[in-house]
């Protein structure tokens, strides 16, 4: 779900029903915590300050390519590092 999408009443009810039914703790443990890794090596988060214009350009590219902001940035870095 994209950050700018609204959550529907149906989705909220689905989440509430799921929570009320309870969770399988063993299944949650098997899945692990956090986001899945992108590779064998540990990843780092790096904060970058961008102007409003840079963010608009980034978002336009990401939407056009149907990728996240992070993926758009990774692609730009890969293109310029080669």
Protein backbone atom coordinates (compact mmCIF):
# COMPACT_ATOMS: atom_id res chain seq x y z
CA UNK A 1 0.00 0.00 0.00
CA UNK A 2 1.45 3.35 -1.02
CA UNK A 3 1.85 6.08 1.58
CA UNK A 4 -0.73 8.28 -0.12
CA UNK A 5 -3.48 5.62 -0.32
CA UNK A 6 -6.41 5.70 2.07
CA UNK A 7 -7.21 2.65 4.20
CA UNK A 8 -10.73 1.40 3.59
CA UNK A 9 -13.21 0.50 6.33
CA UNK A 10 -13.16 -3.04 4.95
CA UNK A 11 -9.38 -3.30 5.40
CA UNK A 12 -9.59 -1.97 8.96
CA UNK A 13 -12.31 -4.53 9.74
CA UNK A 14 -10.19 -7.31 8.20
CA UNK A 15 -7.22 -6.33 10.40
CA UNK A 16 -9.45 -6.13 13.48
CA UNK A 17 -10.96 -9.57 12.76
CA UNK A 18 -7.49 -11.02 12.30
CA UNK A 19 -6.28 -9.54 15.59
CA UNK A 20 -9.35 -10.75 17.48
CA UNK A 21 -8.90 -14.28 16.12
CA UNK A 22 -5.35 -14.31 17.46
CA UNK A 23 -2.01 -14.93 15.84
CA UNK A 24 0.02 -18.12 15.53
CA UNK A 25 3.14 -17.15 17.48
CA UNK A 26 5.18 -20.03 16.06
CA UNK A 27 4.33 -18.97 12.50
CA UNK A 28 5.33 -15.38 13.27
CA UNK A 29 8.66 -16.58 14.67
CA UNK A 30 9.32 -18.67 11.53
CA UNK A 31 8.71 -15.67 9.29
CA UNK A 32 11.25 -13.58 11.18
CA UNK A 33 11.14 -9.91 12.00
CA UNK A 34 11.45 -6.84 9.87
CA UNK A 35 11.78 -6.46 6.15
CA UNK A 36 13.26 -9.31 4.16
CA UNK A 37 16.88 -8.81 3.18
CA UNK A 38 17.88 -7.81 -0.34
CA UNK A 39 20.99 -9.93 -0.40
CA UNK A 40 23.50 -11.90 1.61
CA UNK A 41 25.19 -8.82 3.07
CA UNK A 42 23.73 -6.57 5.78
CA UNK A 43 22.07 -3.39 4.52
CA UNK A 44 22.47 0.14 5.87
CA UNK A 45 19.97 2.97 5.94
CA UNK A 46 21.42 6.28 4.77
CA UNK A 47 19.51 9.54 5.23
CA UNK A 48 19.69 12.01 2.36
CA UNK A 49 18.27 15.53 2.31
CA UNK A 50 16.45 16.47 -0.91
CA UNK A 51 14.74 19.64 -2.06
CA UNK A 52 11.02 19.65 -2.83
CA UNK A 53 11.88 19.69 -6.54
CA UNK A 54 14.21 16.69 -6.20
CA UNK A 55 11.55 14.75 -4.29
CA UNK A 56 8.96 15.60 -6.95
CA UNK A 57 11.30 14.37 -9.68
CA UNK A 58 12.08 11.21 -7.70
CA UNK A 59 8.39 10.51 -7.09
CA UNK A 60 7.54 11.11 -10.75
CA UNK A 61 10.23 8.65 -11.86
CA UNK A 62 9.19 6.07 -9.24
CA UNK A 63 5.54 6.30 -10.27
CA UNK A 64 6.39 6.11 -13.97
CA UNK A 65 8.56 3.02 -13.40
CA UNK A 66 6.19 1.48 -10.80
CA UNK A 67 8.93 1.24 -8.16
CA UNK A 68 9.45 2.59 -4.66
CA UNK A 69 11.47 5.70 -3.90
CA UNK A 70 14.23 3.48 -2.53
CA UNK A 71 14.37 1.38 -5.70
CA UNK A 72 14.44 4.53 -7.84
CA UNK A 73 17.41 5.82 -5.84
CA UNK A 74 19.21 2.46 -6.06
CA UNK A 75 18.72 2.45 -9.84
CA UNK A 76 20.10 5.99 -10.16
CA UNK A 77 23.15 5.04 -8.08
CA UNK A 78 23.74 1.91 -10.13
CA UNK A 79 23.49 3.87 -13.39
CA UNK A 80 26.01 6.46 -12.24
CA UNK A 81 28.40 4.07 -10.53
CA UNK A 82 28.93 1.96 -13.65
